[in-house]
C-alpha atoms as a PDB file:
ATOM      1  CA  MET A   1      62.948-159.211 -26.311  1.00  0.00           C
ATOM      2  CA  ALA A   2      65.420-160.362 -23.123  1.00  0.00           C
ATOM      3  CA  SER A   3      64.223-158.974 -19.833  1.00  0.00           C
ATOM      4  CA  PRO A   4      65.878-157.123 -17.786  1.00  0.00           C
ATOM      5  CA  ALA A   5      67.106-159.801 -15.619  1.00  0.00           C
ATOM      6  CA  SER A   6      68.310-161.810 -18.608  1.00  0.00           C
ATOM      7  CA  ALA A   7      70.449-159.055 -20.220  1.00  0.00           C
ATOM      8  CA  ALA A   8      72.120-158.404 -16.807  1.00  0.00           C
ATOM      9  CA  ILE A   9      72.925-162.376 -17.113  1.00  0.00           C
ATOM     10  CA  GLU A  10      73.918-162.048 -20.147  1.00  0.00           C
ATOM     11  CA  ASN A  11      76.551-159.128 -19.430  1.00  0.00           C
ATOM     12  CA  THR A  12      78.367-161.135 -17.233  1.00  0.00           C
ATOM     13  CA  HIS A  13      81.400-161.871 -17.734  1.00  0.00           C
ATOM     14  CA  THR A  14      82.856-162.911 -13.780  1.00  0.00           C
ATOM     15  CA  TYR A  15      82.323-166.524 -14.130  1.00  0.00           C
ATOM     16  CA  ARG A  16      84.875-167.576 -16.576  1.00  0.00           C
ATOM     17  CA  LYS A  17      88.163-166.279 -17.137  1.00  0.00           C
ATOM     18  CA  GLY A  18      89.736-167.456 -20.634  1.00  0.00           C
ATOM     19  CA  ASN A  19      89.533-171.400 -21.258  1.00  0.00           C
ATOM     20  CA  GLN A  20      88.728-171.603 -17.337  1.00  0.00           C
ATOM     21  CA  LYS A  21      85.618-173.593 -15.951  1.00  0.00           C
ATOM     22  CA  PRO A  22      83.171-172.200 -14.763  1.00  0.00           C
ATOM     23  CA  ILE A  23      82.883-171.321 -11.260  1.00  0.00           C
ATOM     24  CA  VAL A  24      80.422-173.332  -9.138  1.00  0.00           C
ATOM     25  CA  ILE A  25      78.361-171.567  -7.300  1.00  0.00           C
ATOM     26  CA  THR A  26      77.975-172.982  -3.067  1.00  0.00           C
ATOM     27  CA  ALA A  27      76.461-170.321  -1.010  1.00  0.00           C
ATOM     28  CA  VAL A  28      74.199-167.454  -0.884  1.00  0.00           C
ATOM     29  CA  THR A  29      73.729-164.554   1.980  1.00  0.00           C
ATOM     30  CA  PHE A  30      71.321-162.504   2.448  1.00  0.00           C
ATOM     31  CA  ASP A  31      70.412-159.428   3.462  1.00  0.00           C
ATOM     32  CA  LEU A  32      68.224-158.752   6.385  1.00  0.00           C
ATOM     33  CA  TRP A  33      65.979-154.469   6.216  1.00  0.00           C
ATOM     34  CA  GLN A  34      64.352-154.351   2.828  1.00  0.00           C
ATOM     35  CA  THR A  35      64.793-157.402   2.154  1.00  0.00           C
ATOM     36  CA  LEU A  36      63.872-161.269   3.799  1.00  0.00           C
ATOM     37  CA  ILE A  37      61.583-158.456   6.197  1.00  0.00           C
ATOM     38  CA  LEU A  38      60.123-155.171   5.437  1.00  0.00           C
ATOM     39  CA  ASP A  39      59.535-152.214   7.734  1.00  0.00           C
ATOM     40  CA  ASN A  40      58.344-148.561   7.376  1.00  0.00           C
ATOM     41  CA  ARG A  41      58.262-145.014   8.927  1.00  0.00           C
ATOM     42  CA  GLU A  42      55.934-144.949  10.830  1.00  0.00           C
ATOM     43  CA  LEU A  43      57.136-148.500  12.732  1.00  0.00           C
ATOM     44  CA  GLY A  44      60.375-147.271  13.288  1.00  0.00           C
ATOM     45  CA  LEU A  45      59.124-143.898  15.071  1.00  0.00           C
ATOM     46  CA  GLN A  46      56.878-146.195  17.562  1.00  0.00           C
ATOM     47  CA  ARG A  47      59.547-147.627  18.121  1.00  0.00           C
ATOM     48  CA  ALA A  48      62.055-144.609  18.800  1.00  0.00           C
ATOM     49  CA  GLN A  49      59.527-143.215  21.400  1.00  0.00           C
ATOM     50  CA  ALA A  50      59.728-146.950  23.162  1.00  0.00           C
ATOM     51  CA  ARG A  51      62.765-146.946  23.745  1.00  0.00           C
ATOM     52  CA  LEU A  52      62.752-142.662  25.190  1.00  0.00           C
ATOM     53  CA  ASP A  53      59.317-143.330  27.359  1.00  0.00           C
ATOM     54  CA  GLY A  54      61.623-146.721  28.491  1.00  0.00           C
ATOM     55  CA  ALA A  55      64.717-144.273  28.933  1.00  0.00           C
ATOM     56  CA  ARG A  56      62.842-141.494  30.481  1.00  0.00           C
ATOM     57  CA  GLU A  57      60.642-144.456  32.841  1.00  0.00           C
ATOM     58  CA  THR A  58      63.765-146.138  34.249  1.00  0.00           C
ATOM     59  CA  LEU A  59      65.725-142.687  34.504  1.00  0.00           C
ATOM     60  CA  LEU A  60      62.601-141.652  36.860  1.00  0.00           C
ATOM     61  CA  SER A  61      62.645-145.120  39.200  1.00  0.00           C
ATOM     62  CA  HIS A  62      65.861-144.107  39.793  1.00  0.00           C
ATOM     63  CA  GLY A  63      65.755-140.692  41.450  1.00  0.00           C
ATOM     64  CA  VAL A  64      66.932-138.692  38.000  1.00  0.00           C
ATOM     65  CA  ASP A  65      64.457-136.628  36.007  1.00  0.00           C
ATOM     66  CA  TYR A  66      65.277-134.919  32.426  1.00  0.00           C
ATOM     67  CA  ASN A  67      62.798-133.967  30.463  1.00  0.00           C
ATOM     68  CA  PRO A  68      61.766-135.680  27.687  1.00  0.00           C
ATOM     69  CA  ASP A  69      62.575-133.531  24.851  1.00  0.00           C
ATOM     70  CA  HIS A  70      66.429-133.461  26.189  1.00  0.00           C
ATOM     71  CA  ILE A  71      65.900-137.429  26.143  1.00  0.00           C
ATOM     72  CA  ARG A  72      64.613-137.328  22.803  1.00  0.00           C
ATOM     73  CA  GLU A  73      68.254-134.661  21.710  1.00  0.00           C
ATOM     74  CA  ALA A  74      69.901-137.055  23.048  1.00  0.00           C
ATOM     75  CA  TYR A  75      68.616-140.407  21.432  1.00  0.00           C
ATOM     76  CA  ARG A  76      69.168-138.059  17.823  1.00  0.00           C
ATOM     77  CA  GLY A  77      72.126-137.127  19.306  1.00  0.00           C
ATOM     78  CA  CYS A  78      73.254-140.480  19.786  1.00  0.00           C
ATOM     79  CA  TYR A  79      71.872-141.789  16.220  1.00  0.00           C
ATOM     80  CA  ARG A  80      74.127-139.481  14.429  1.00  0.00           C
ATOM     81  CA  ALA A  81      77.058-140.369  16.467  1.00  0.00           C
ATOM     82  CA  CYS A  82      76.382-144.034  15.341  1.00  0.00           C
ATOM     83  CA  ARG A  83      76.078-143.238  11.535  1.00  0.00           C
ATOM     84  CA  ALA A  84      79.566-141.177  11.503  1.00  0.00           C
ATOM     85  CA  VAL A  85      80.952-144.638  12.664  1.00  0.00           C
ATOM     86  CA  ARG A  86      78.916-146.595  10.028  1.00  0.00           C
ATOM     87  CA  ASN A  87      79.726-144.078   7.441  1.00  0.00           C
ATOM     88  CA  ASP A  88      83.838-145.101   8.221  1.00  0.00           C
ATOM     89  CA  ASN A  89      82.288-149.302   7.348  1.00  0.00           C
ATOM     90  CA  LYS A  90      82.785-149.480  10.956  1.00  0.00           C
ATOM     91  CA  ASP A  91      79.983-150.396  13.932  1.00  0.00           C
ATOM     92  CA  VAL A  92      79.452-149.949  17.841  1.00  0.00           C
ATOM     93  CA  SER A  93      78.445-153.036  20.199  1.00  0.00           C
ATOM     94  CA  PHE A  94      74.902-152.721  20.573  1.00  0.00           C
ATOM     95  CA  ARG A  95      75.889-151.709  25.190  1.00  0.00           C
ATOM     96  CA  ARG A  96      77.701-149.628  23.895  1.00  0.00           C
ATOM     97  CA  GLN A  97      75.901-147.291  21.493  1.00  0.00           C
ATOM     98  CA  VAL A  98      73.307-147.882  24.719  1.00  0.00           C
ATOM     99  CA  GLU A  99      75.489-145.727  26.785  1.00  0.00           C
ATOM    100  CA  ILE A 100      75.851-143.346  23.851  1.00  0.00           C
ATOM    101  CA  PHE A 101      72.814-142.012  24.560  1.00  0.00           C
ATOM    102  CA  ILE A 102      72.942-142.379  27.796  1.00  0.00           C
ATOM    103  CA  ASP A 103      75.701-140.055  28.087  1.00  0.00           C
ATOM    104  CA  LEU A 104      74.441-137.363  26.005  1.00  0.00           C
ATOM    105  CA  ILE A 105      71.537-137.280  28.538  1.00  0.00           C
ATOM    106  CA  GLU A 106      74.468-136.317  30.886  1.00  0.00           C
ATOM    107  CA  ASP A 107      77.648-136.731  30.580  1.00  0.00           C
ATOM    108  CA  GLY A 108      79.031-139.438  32.629  1.00  0.00           C
ATOM    109  CA  LEU A 109      75.445-140.457  33.771  1.00  0.00           C
ATOM    110  CA  SER A 110      76.224-143.965  32.321  1.00  0.00           C
ATOM    111  CA  ASN A 111      78.732-144.679  35.244  1.00  0.00           C
ATOM    112  CA  ARG A 112      77.358-143.004  37.838  1.00  0.00           C
ATOM    113  CA  LEU A 113      73.565-144.934  37.298  1.00  0.00           C
ATOM    114  CA  PRO A 114      73.514-148.558  39.024  1.00  0.00           C
ATOM    115  CA  GLU A 115      74.291-151.780  36.181  1.00  0.00           C
ATOM    116  CA  SER A 116      70.746-152.751  36.818  1.00  0.00           C
ATOM    117  CA  ALA A 117      69.501-149.204  35.331  1.00  0.00           C
ATOM    118  CA  VAL A 118      71.940-149.285  32.660  1.00  0.00           C
ATOM    119  CA  ALA A 119      70.804-152.911  31.893  1.00  0.00           C
ATOM    120  CA  GLU A 120      67.129-151.537  31.807  1.00  0.00           C
ATOM    121  CA  ILE A 121      67.704-148.824  29.260  1.00  0.00           C
ATOM    122  CA  GLU A 122      69.153-151.185  27.474  1.00  0.00           C
ATOM    123  CA  ARG A 123      66.680-153.726  27.882  1.00  0.00           C
ATOM    124  CA  SER A 124      63.767-151.490  26.845  1.00  0.00           C
ATOM    125  CA  TYR A 125      66.016-149.967  23.969  1.00  0.00           C
ATOM    126  CA  ALA A 126      65.870-153.657  22.599  1.00  0.00           C
ATOM    127  CA  GLU A 127      62.333-155.051  23.163  1.00  0.00           C
ATOM    128  CA  SER A 128      60.803-151.947  20.602  1.00  0.00           C
ATOM    129  CA  PHE A 129      61.451-154.094  18.212  1.00  0.00           C
ATOM    130  CA  PHE A 130      59.176-156.593  20.081  1.00  0.00           C
ATOM    131  CA  ASP A 131      56.723-154.213  20.426  1.00  0.00           C
ATOM    132  CA  TYR A 132      56.481-152.046  17.006  1.00  0.00           C
ATOM    133  CA  PRO A 133      57.633-155.041  14.463  1.00  0.00           C
ATOM    134  CA  PRO A 134      58.242-155.148  10.735  1.00  0.00           C
ATOM    135  CA  ARG A 135      56.794-157.717   8.722  1.00  0.00           C
ATOM    136  CA  PHE A 136      58.292-160.653   7.311  1.00  0.00           C
ATOM    137  CA  HIS A 137      58.224-160.538   3.172  1.00  0.00           C
ATOM    138  CA  ASP A 138      55.544-162.947   1.905  1.00  0.00           C
ATOM    139  CA  SER A 139      58.238-164.695   0.488  1.00  0.00           C
ATOM    140  CA  SER A 140      60.824-164.698   2.891  1.00  0.00           C
ATOM    141  CA  GLN A 141      60.709-168.515   3.451  1.00  0.00           C
ATOM    142  CA  GLN A 142      60.156-169.916   0.564  1.00  0.00           C
ATOM    143  CA  THR A 143      62.631-168.222  -0.800  1.00  0.00           C
ATOM    144  CA  LEU A 144      65.093-169.624   1.283  1.00  0.00           C
ATOM    145  CA  GLU A 145      63.420-172.743   0.961  1.00  0.00           C
ATOM    146  CA  ALA A 146      64.054-173.032  -2.471  1.00  0.00           C
ATOM    147  CA  VAL A 147      67.566-171.778  -2.378  1.00  0.00           C
ATOM    148  CA  ARG A 148      68.316-174.320   0.488  1.00  0.00           C
ATOM    149  CA  SER A 149      66.835-176.951  -1.732  1.00  0.00           C
ATOM    150  CA  MET A 150      69.253-176.196  -4.309  1.00  0.00           C
ATOM    151  CA  GLY A 151      72.363-177.550  -2.073  1.00  0.00           C
ATOM    152  CA  LEU A 152      73.387-173.740  -1.175  1.00  0.00           C
ATOM    153  CA  SER A 153      74.931-172.697   2.108  1.00  0.00           C
ATOM    154  CA  ILE A 154      72.878-169.615   3.271  1.00  0.00           C
ATOM    155  CA  GLY A 155      74.234-166.835   5.176  1.00  0.00           C
ATOM    156  CA  LEU A 156      73.103-163.123   6.333  1.00  0.00           C
ATOM    157  CA  ILE A 157      74.995-159.509   6.557  1.00  0.00           C
ATOM    158  CA  SER A 158      73.188-157.367   8.327  1.00  0.00           C
ATOM    159  CA  ASN A 159      73.662-153.561   9.684  1.00  0.00           C
ATOM    160  CA  THR A 160      71.560-153.589  13.182  1.00  0.00           C
ATOM    161  CA  GLY A 161      71.516-150.104  13.576  1.00  0.00           C
ATOM    162  CA  MET A 162      69.477-149.528  16.760  1.00  0.00           C
ATOM    163  CA  THR A 163      68.382-153.307  17.236  1.00  0.00           C
ATOM    164  CA  PRO A 164      70.673-155.756  18.344  1.00  0.00           C
ATOM    165  CA  GLY A 165      71.913-158.804  16.607  1.00  0.00           C
ATOM    166  CA  TYR A 166      70.370-161.319  19.466  1.00  0.00           C
ATOM    167  CA  THR A 167      66.898-159.288  19.062  1.00  0.00           C
ATOM    168  CA  PHE A 168      66.917-160.427  14.952  1.00  0.00           C
ATOM    169  CA  ARG A 169      68.158-164.534  15.984  1.00  0.00           C
ATOM    170  CA  GLU A 170      65.135-164.250  18.682  1.00  0.00           C
ATOM    171  CA  PHE A 171      62.583-162.607  15.745  1.00  0.00           C
ATOM    172  CA  LEU A 172      63.605-165.309  12.988  1.00  0.00           C
ATOM    173  CA  GLN A 173      63.644-168.016  15.098  1.00  0.00           C
ATOM    174  CA  GLN A 174      59.653-167.090  16.353  1.00  0.00           C
ATOM    175  CA  HIS A 175      59.472-167.068  12.639  1.00  0.00           C
ATOM    176  CA  GLY A 176      61.220-170.439  11.949  1.00  0.00           C
ATOM    177  CA  LEU A 177      63.378-169.253   9.935  1.00  0.00           C
ATOM    178  CA  LEU A 178      66.918-168.852  11.706  1.00  0.00           C
ATOM    179  CA  GLN A 179      67.091-172.640  10.623  1.00  0.00           C
ATOM    180  CA  TYR A 180      68.409-171.959   7.560  1.00  0.00           C
ATOM    181  CA  PHE A 181      70.933-169.853   7.994  1.00  0.00           C
ATOM    182  CA  ALA A 182      74.500-171.210   8.270  1.00  0.00           C
ATOM    183  CA  VAL A 183      76.204-168.206   9.849  1.00  0.00           C
ATOM    184  CA  LEU A 184      74.362-164.753  10.741  1.00  0.00           C
ATOM    185  CA  THR A 185      76.252-161.520  10.968  1.00  0.00           C
ATOM    186  CA  PHE A 186      75.414-158.902  12.709  1.00  0.00           C
ATOM    187  CA  SER A 187      77.583-155.693  12.649  1.00  0.00           C
ATOM    188  CA  ASP A 188      76.785-155.145  16.266  1.00  0.00           C
ATOM    189  CA  GLU A 189      78.909-157.984  16.741  1.00  0.00           C
ATOM    190  CA  VAL A 190      81.622-157.752  14.276  1.00  0.00           C
ATOM    191  CA  LEU A 191      81.980-153.763  14.621  1.00  0.00           C
ATOM    192  CA  LEU A 192      81.742-153.961  11.207  1.00  0.00           C
ATOM    193  CA  ALA A 193      79.614-152.513   8.684  1.00  0.00           C
ATOM    194  CA  LYS A 194      79.102-152.912   5.180  1.00  0.00           C
ATOM    195  CA  PRO A 195      79.807-152.368   2.792  1.00  0.00           C
ATOM    196  CA  SER A 196      83.554-152.813   4.035  1.00  0.00           C
ATOM    197  CA  ASP A 197      85.178-155.744   2.288  1.00  0.00           C
ATOM    198  CA  GLU A 198      85.723-157.449   6.610  1.00  0.00           C
ATOM    199  CA  ILE A 199      82.249-158.214   6.695  1.00  0.00           C
ATOM    200  CA  PHE A 200      81.641-159.829   3.769  1.00  0.00           C
ATOM    201  CA  LEU A 201      84.527-162.129   3.726  1.00  0.00           C
ATOM    202  CA  MET A 202      84.458-162.612   7.050  1.00  0.00           C
ATOM    203  CA  THR A 203      80.903-164.503   6.520  1.00  0.00           C
ATOM    204  CA  VAL A 204      81.696-165.755   3.268  1.00  0.00           C
ATOM    205  CA  LYS A 205      84.382-167.860   5.298  1.00  0.00           C
ATOM    206  CA  SER A 206      82.501-168.553   7.997  1.00  0.00           C
ATOM    207  CA  LEU A 207      80.339-170.348   4.863  1.00  0.00           C
ATOM    208  CA  ASP A 208      83.580-172.286   4.054  1.00  0.00           C
ATOM    209  CA  ALA A 209      83.155-170.558   0.806  1.00  0.00           C
ATOM    210  CA  SER A 210      85.270-168.196  -1.886  1.00  0.00           C
ATOM    211  CA  PRO A 211      83.746-164.793  -2.661  1.00  0.00           C
ATOM    212  CA  GLY A 212      83.488-165.969  -6.505  1.00  0.00           C
ATOM    213  CA  ALA A 213      81.066-168.331  -5.142  1.00  0.00           C
ATOM    214  CA  THR A 214      79.208-166.652  -3.230  1.00  0.00           C
ATOM    215  CA  ILE A 215      75.986-164.905  -4.221  1.00  0.00           C
ATOM    216  CA  HIS A 216      74.497-161.779  -1.976  1.00  0.00           C
ATOM    217  CA  VAL A 217      71.190-160.776  -2.454  1.00  0.00           C
ATOM    218  CA  GLY A 218      69.711-156.849  -1.031  1.00  0.00           C
ATOM    219  CA  ASP A 219      68.103-154.114  -1.510  1.00  0.00           C
ATOM    220  CA  HIS A 220      70.745-150.952  -0.969  1.00  0.00           C
ATOM    221  CA  VAL A 221      72.996-150.395  -4.025  1.00  0.00           C
ATOM    222  CA  ASN A 222      75.754-148.919  -1.987  1.00  0.00           C
ATOM    223  CA  ASN A 223      75.919-151.150   0.737  1.00  0.00           C
ATOM    224  CA  ASP A 224      74.993-154.751  -0.659  1.00  0.00           C
ATOM    225  CA  VAL A 225      75.859-154.577  -4.488  1.00  0.00           C
ATOM    226  CA  VAL A 226      78.562-152.368  -4.297  1.00  0.00           C
ATOM    227  CA  GLY A 227      79.720-154.188  -1.305  1.00  0.00           C
ATOM    228  CA  ALA A 228      79.225-157.231  -2.301  1.00  0.00           C
ATOM    229  CA  ASN A 229      81.107-156.358  -6.170  1.00  0.00           C
ATOM    230  CA  ARG A 230      84.131-155.280  -4.897  1.00  0.00           C
ATOM    231  CA  VAL A 231      85.290-158.596  -2.971  1.00  0.00           C
ATOM    232  CA  GLY A 232      84.165-160.540  -5.855  1.00  0.00           C
ATOM    233  CA  MET A 233      80.961-161.612  -4.818  1.00  0.00           C
ATOM    234  CA  LYS A 234      77.969-162.205  -7.358  1.00  0.00           C
ATOM    235  CA  SER A 235      74.919-160.000  -6.575  1.00  0.00           C
ATOM    236  CA  ILE A 236      71.266-159.926  -6.923  1.00  0.00           C
ATOM    237  CA  TRP A 237      69.977-156.768  -6.275  1.00  0.00           C
ATOM    238  CA  ILE A 238      66.394-156.484  -5.613  1.00  0.00           C
ATOM    239  CA  ARG A 239      64.924-153.003  -6.870  1.00  0.00           C
ATOM    240  CA  GLY A 240      62.308-150.937  -5.498  1.00  0.00           C
ATOM    241  CA  PHE A 241      64.128-149.326  -2.106  1.00  0.00           C
ATOM    242  CA  TYR A 242      67.048-147.366  -2.849  1.00  0.00           C
ATOM    243  CA  GLU A 243      68.658-146.570  -6.775  1.00  0.00           C
ATOM    244  CA  PRO A 244      72.509-145.771  -7.705  1.00  0.00           C
ATOM    245  CA  ASP A 245      74.167-142.868  -7.449  1.00  0.00           C
ATOM    246  CA  ASP A 246      75.765-143.597 -10.249  1.00  0.00           C
ATOM    247  CA  PRO A 247      73.549-145.914 -12.705  1.00  0.00           C
ATOM    248  CA  ASN A 248      77.216-145.762 -15.357  1.00  0.00           C
ATOM    249  CA  ASP A 249      79.638-146.558 -12.799  1.00  0.00           C
ATOM    250  CA  PRO A 250      80.469-150.535 -12.788  1.00  0.00           C
ATOM    251  CA  GLU A 251      81.101-151.157  -8.977  1.00  0.00           C
ATOM    252  CA  SER A 252      77.216-150.598  -8.789  1.00  0.00           C
ATOM    253  CA  GLN A 253      75.797-152.770 -11.862  1.00  0.00           C
ATOM    254  CA  ALA A 254      73.943-156.046 -10.299  1.00  0.00           C
ATOM    255  CA  ASP A 255      74.749-158.798 -11.893  1.00  0.00           C
ATOM    256  CA  VAL A 256      70.859-159.336 -11.751  1.00  0.00           C
ATOM    257  CA  ALA A 257      68.494-156.334 -10.659  1.00  0.00           C
ATOM    258  CA  VAL A 258      64.988-158.445  -9.694  1.00  0.00           C
ATOM    259  CA  ASP A 259      61.338-156.900  -9.043  1.00  0.00           C
ATOM    260  CA  ASP A 260      60.787-158.430  -5.761  1.00  0.00           C
ATOM    261  CA  LEU A 261      62.127-161.473  -3.443  1.00  0.00           C
ATOM    262  CA  SER A 262      59.903-163.741  -5.009  1.00  0.00           C
ATOM    263  CA  ASP A 263      62.002-163.608  -8.093  1.00  0.00           C
ATOM    264  CA  VAL A 264      65.405-164.610  -6.141  1.00  0.00           C
ATOM    265  CA  SER A 265      65.303-167.846  -6.339  1.00  0.00           C
ATOM    266  CA  GLY A 266      64.664-167.900  -9.862  1.00  0.00           C
ATOM    267  CA  ALA A 267      67.634-165.809 -10.177  1.00  0.00           C
ATOM    268  CA  VAL A 268      69.653-167.862  -7.741  1.00  0.00           C
ATOM    269  CA  ARG A 269      68.626-170.747 -10.221  1.00  0.00           C
ATOM    270  CA  GLN A 270      69.700-168.409 -13.647  1.00  0.00           C
ATOM    271  CA  LEU A 271      73.453-167.535 -12.526  1.00  0.00           C
ATOM    272  CA  ILE A 272      74.066-171.608 -10.549  1.00  0.00           C
ATOM    273  CA  SER A 273      73.191-172.479 -14.586  1.00  0.00           C
ATOM    274  CA  LEU A 274      75.992-170.320 -15.855  1.00  0.00           C
END
């Protein structure tokens, strides 16, 4: 009996049109969260608390005191405001996110504080990631090395959430993985969020590839699979984190579905061989 991955490949018809030659795959893009790095709710809560504590300490050092619960509610409000922007396939810069947070503590506060205070809140906001870091998947480096050994260009497309792109770059560098990426696209830097067409297309263009010659790998059905499929990329879905809202929706059908990142290099080889 064919495996689910094999069945998915056998049912794919996007590689040939009529008697045309198969499209040659030249690039692979990866998602970051829950694909190359694995996070959990406890770490997320610890990072949130570190951001709140850092903000309050900075404000106290500049002679302003706010109730911790009030600061927490401002943080939640910032999360909601940024999520609303991302739901429209856009994003805000990391600096703007921090300013939204500060101004929800008190309207106009980011303009009244010294620049050094705003910068310090931004620093503690970003560095909470290093205080409570997620872990890289055990197969991250092996997978990236295998894809590179196939002669494929590699890119990263990530919605950054509460952590800036420059922090992710440093994290990748610290763990020896930055070397694998020809292009890194972070939503807070390009002000676009997956699953927008633009964030995929700009990354593919930067890789000097075409959508039909690029595979995208990710865990999120809507952000990764649907987003990639809509622009004509091939898609590999890592199961186990998100499920499709409608399993019968063709846009949510990946070319290949795998159970773990360790299966991705084999899936890429299979797609290349079609």
